[in-house]
């Protein structure tokens, strides 16, 4: 990221906070630089940054536009996890890297109202059905209106895993998917999807 872009993001912070609006201009400018694909390996269409490179860029942005950096981190950390697996020889999340390189934005769906330990003790459930799972529960997730895929934690029956939870990805356009109301007066407005 060049310093001028970071300063433009910083100049918009007060307006986004005052108007309680999504950071559209920041998002578009950062996306155009490849920020959302910085962790994706170059052979898959990304910038190929290491974890240290990603953290350095995120820290630079967070110093001047913290809510923008936080909201985009909810996408970048999924691409970082997938990239580290890819580099270690595990190709199970290559699809995520390819979709991110093609412009898909991923949201984090760990948060649950009233639950301090949603990663370990999720109240959301995944029930086996023909062709996959039916996910039920209320999640708070990031990147309002830009993320079509929410990745989060839920209970999957009859599976042995730490804490009884596992990760799942779901497209927002699936039948039965609903958005809850946006929260006012908080920069967490980008995380109010349910």
Protein backbone atom coordinates (compact mmCIF):
# COMPACT_ATOMS: atom_id res chain seq x y z
CA UNK A 1 0.00 0.00 0.00
CA UNK A 2 1.31 3.40 -0.81
CA UNK A 3 1.20 6.13 1.82
CA UNK A 4 -1.19 8.26 -0.22
CA UNK A 5 -3.84 5.52 -0.27
CA UNK A 6 -3.51 4.97 3.47
CA UNK A 7 -3.93 8.72 4.04
CA UNK A 8 -7.07 8.80 1.84
CA UNK A 9 -8.52 5.98 3.97
CA UNK A 10 -7.56 7.88 7.14
CA UNK A 11 -9.26 11.04 5.85
CA UNK A 12 -12.58 9.18 5.51
CA UNK A 13 -12.63 7.58 8.99
CA UNK A 14 -14.50 10.42 10.71
CA UNK A 15 -17.16 10.56 7.99
CA UNK A 16 -17.76 6.79 8.09
CA UNK A 17 -18.02 6.92 11.88
CA UNK A 18 -20.27 10.00 11.95
CA UNK A 19 -22.63 8.71 9.22
CA UNK A 20 -22.39 5.06 10.31
CA UNK A 21 -21.83 3.99 6.72
CA UNK A 22 -19.97 1.21 5.01
CA UNK A 23 -16.41 2.06 3.92
CA UNK A 24 -17.19 1.80 0.18
CA UNK A 25 -14.45 4.11 -1.09
CA UNK A 26 -11.80 2.42 1.06
CA UNK A 27 -12.98 -1.01 -0.04
CA UNK A 28 -12.93 -0.18 -3.75
CA UNK A 29 -9.50 1.46 -3.61
CA UNK A 30 -7.96 -1.33 -1.55
CA UNK A 31 -9.49 -4.03 -3.72
CA UNK A 32 -8.04 -2.35 -6.83
CA UNK A 33 -4.52 -2.58 -5.32
CA UNK A 34 -4.81 -6.34 -4.77
CA UNK A 35 -5.07 -5.96 -0.99
CA UNK A 36 -7.75 -8.67 -0.85
CA UNK A 37 -5.48 -11.12 -2.67
CA UNK A 38 -2.21 -10.28 -0.95
CA UNK A 39 -2.04 -13.68 0.79
CA UNK A 40 -3.09 -15.67 -2.30
CA UNK A 41 -0.08 -17.39 -3.96
CA UNK A 42 1.07 -15.77 -7.20
CA UNK A 43 0.49 -18.98 -9.18
CA UNK A 44 -3.20 -18.73 -8.24
CA UNK A 45 -3.51 -15.07 -9.20
CA UNK A 46 -2.63 -13.28 -5.95
CA UNK A 47 0.25 -11.18 -4.70
CA UNK A 48 1.92 -14.07 -2.85
CA UNK A 49 2.69 -12.19 0.38
CA UNK A 50 4.06 -14.12 3.35
CA UNK A 51 2.37 -13.87 6.74
CA UNK A 52 4.95 -11.25 7.78
CA UNK A 53 4.19 -9.20 4.64
CA UNK A 54 0.43 -9.41 5.22
CA UNK A 55 0.74 -8.40 8.87
CA UNK A 56 2.97 -5.44 7.96
CA UNK A 57 0.43 -4.11 5.45
CA UNK A 58 -2.52 -4.70 7.77
CA UNK A 59 -0.72 -2.91 10.61
CA UNK A 60 0.04 0.09 8.38
CA UNK A 61 -3.63 0.38 7.38
CA UNK A 62 -4.91 -0.24 10.93
CA UNK A 63 -2.87 2.64 12.34
CA UNK A 64 -4.80 5.12 10.17
CA UNK A 65 -8.14 3.38 9.38
CA UNK A 66 -8.68 0.75 12.08
CA UNK A 67 -12.28 -0.25 11.29
CA UNK A 68 -11.46 -0.65 7.59
CA UNK A 69 -8.49 -2.87 8.47
CA UNK A 70 -10.58 -4.94 10.89
CA UNK A 71 -13.42 -5.51 8.42
CA UNK A 72 -11.03 -6.49 5.62
CA UNK A 73 -9.13 -8.77 7.98
CA UNK A 74 -12.25 -10.93 8.12
CA UNK A 75 -11.54 -11.81 4.47
CA UNK A 76 -7.74 -11.70 4.55
CA UNK A 77 -7.35 -14.14 7.42
CA UNK A 78 -9.26 -16.83 5.50
CA UNK A 79 -7.03 -16.35 2.47
CA UNK A 80 -3.98 -16.42 4.76
CA UNK A 81 -5.01 -19.70 6.38
CA UNK A 82 -5.73 -21.23 2.97
CA UNK A 83 -2.41 -19.93 1.58
CA UNK A 84 -0.40 -21.38 4.47
CA UNK A 85 -2.10 -24.75 3.97
CA UNK A 86 -1.43 -24.55 0.22
CA UNK A 87 2.26 -23.78 0.76
CA UNK A 88 2.53 -26.73 3.17
CA UNK A 89 1.13 -29.10 0.53
CA UNK A 90 -2.50 -29.24 1.74
CA UNK A 91 -4.68 -28.33 -1.26
CA UNK A 92 -8.05 -28.69 0.51
CA UNK A 93 -8.73 -24.92 0.40
CA UNK A 94 -7.33 -24.20 -3.05
CA UNK A 95 -10.91 -23.47 -4.16
CA UNK A 96 -11.03 -20.59 -1.65
CA UNK A 97 -7.81 -19.10 -3.00
CA UNK A 98 -9.03 -19.41 -6.60
CA UNK A 99 -12.35 -17.76 -5.74
CA UNK A 100 -10.61 -14.97 -3.84
CA UNK A 101 -8.32 -14.36 -6.84
CA UNK A 102 -11.45 -14.17 -9.03
CA UNK A 103 -12.92 -11.45 -6.78
CA UNK A 104 -14.95 -13.39 -4.19
CA UNK A 105 -15.02 -11.82 -0.73
CA UNK A 106 -15.25 -14.04 2.33
CA UNK A 107 -16.77 -13.04 5.66
CA UNK A 108 -16.04 -14.38 9.12
CA UNK A 109 -19.04 -15.89 10.87
CA UNK A 110 -17.80 -16.76 14.32
CA UNK A 111 -19.63 -14.17 16.40
CA UNK A 112 -22.83 -15.06 18.26
CA UNK A 113 -24.75 -12.62 20.43
CA UNK A 114 -24.35 -13.52 24.11
CA UNK A 115 -21.67 -16.15 23.46
CA UNK A 116 -18.15 -15.33 24.59
CA UNK A 117 -16.66 -18.57 23.20
CA UNK A 118 -18.35 -19.14 19.82
CA UNK A 119 -15.32 -20.85 18.29
CA UNK A 120 -15.36 -23.54 20.99
CA UNK A 121 -19.03 -23.55 22.04
CA UNK A 122 -21.03 -22.52 18.99
CA UNK A 123 -24.82 -22.64 19.27
CA UNK A 124 -25.23 -22.86 15.48
CA UNK A 125 -25.82 -26.37 14.13
CA UNK A 126 -25.15 -28.18 10.86
CA UNK A 127 -27.58 -31.01 10.11
CA UNK A 128 -26.82 -33.51 7.34
CA UNK A 129 -29.26 -33.32 4.39
CA UNK A 130 -29.12 -34.64 0.84
CA UNK A 131 -26.25 -32.86 -0.91
CA UNK A 132 -24.68 -31.28 2.17
CA UNK A 133 -25.76 -29.67 5.42
CA UNK A 134 -28.52 -27.37 6.65
CA UNK A 135 -27.00 -24.65 8.81
CA UNK A 136 -29.19 -23.15 11.52
CA UNK A 137 -28.33 -20.49 14.05
CA UNK A 138 -27.62 -16.79 14.35
CA UNK A 139 -24.20 -15.51 13.42
CA UNK A 140 -22.74 -12.05 13.27
CA UNK A 141 -20.41 -11.67 10.36
CA UNK A 142 -18.42 -9.07 8.53
CA UNK A 143 -18.24 -7.25 5.22
CA UNK A 144 -21.89 -6.16 4.93
CA UNK A 145 -23.20 -6.43 1.36
CA UNK A 146 -19.86 -7.33 -0.23
CA UNK A 147 -19.41 -10.91 0.95
CA UNK A 148 -21.45 -13.65 -0.63
CA UNK A 149 -19.71 -16.39 1.32
CA UNK A 150 -19.76 -16.58 5.11
CA UNK A 151 -17.34 -18.96 6.77
CA UNK A 152 -17.89 -19.78 10.39
CA UNK A 153 -18.12 -22.27 13.21
CA UNK A 154 -21.01 -24.63 13.87
CA UNK A 155 -21.72 -27.96 15.55
CA UNK A 156 -21.64 -30.93 13.19
CA UNK A 157 -23.15 -34.05 14.75
CA UNK A 158 -21.31 -37.37 14.96
CA UNK A 159 -17.93 -35.83 14.17
CA UNK A 160 -15.01 -35.96 16.55
CA UNK A 161 -13.25 -32.64 16.79
CA UNK A 162 -11.94 -30.36 19.51
CA UNK A 163 -14.82 -28.60 21.25
CA UNK A 164 -17.44 -30.35 19.10
CA UNK A 165 -17.32 -27.62 16.42
CA UNK A 166 -16.16 -27.41 12.84
CA UNK A 167 -15.96 -24.79 10.10
CA UNK A 168 -18.46 -24.41 7.29
CA UNK A 169 -18.87 -22.06 4.32
CA UNK A 170 -22.27 -20.88 3.10
CA UNK A 171 -23.32 -18.59 0.29
CA UNK A 172 -25.56 -15.71 1.32
CA UNK A 173 -27.99 -16.36 -1.52
CA UNK A 174 -29.01 -19.79 -0.23
CA UNK A 175 -32.70 -20.38 0.57
CA UNK A 176 -33.56 -19.41 4.13
CA UNK A 177 -30.62 -17.05 4.55
CA UNK A 178 -31.66 -13.82 6.27
CA UNK A 179 -29.93 -10.60 7.22
CA UNK A 180 -30.66 -9.03 10.58
CA UNK A 181 -30.83 -5.29 11.20
CA UNK A 182 -27.64 -3.27 11.16
CA UNK A 183 -26.42 -2.09 14.54
CA UNK A 184 -26.37 1.70 14.98
CA UNK A 185 -23.70 3.66 16.77
CA UNK A 186 -20.93 1.13 16.34
CA UNK A 187 -18.16 0.64 13.81
CA UNK A 188 -19.12 -3.03 14.05
CA UNK A 189 -21.93 -2.25 11.61
CA UNK A 190 -19.99 -4.20 8.99
CA UNK A 191 -20.38 -7.31 11.16
CA UNK A 192 -24.14 -7.22 11.67
CA UNK A 193 -25.08 -9.92 9.15
CA UNK A 194 -26.86 -12.89 10.67
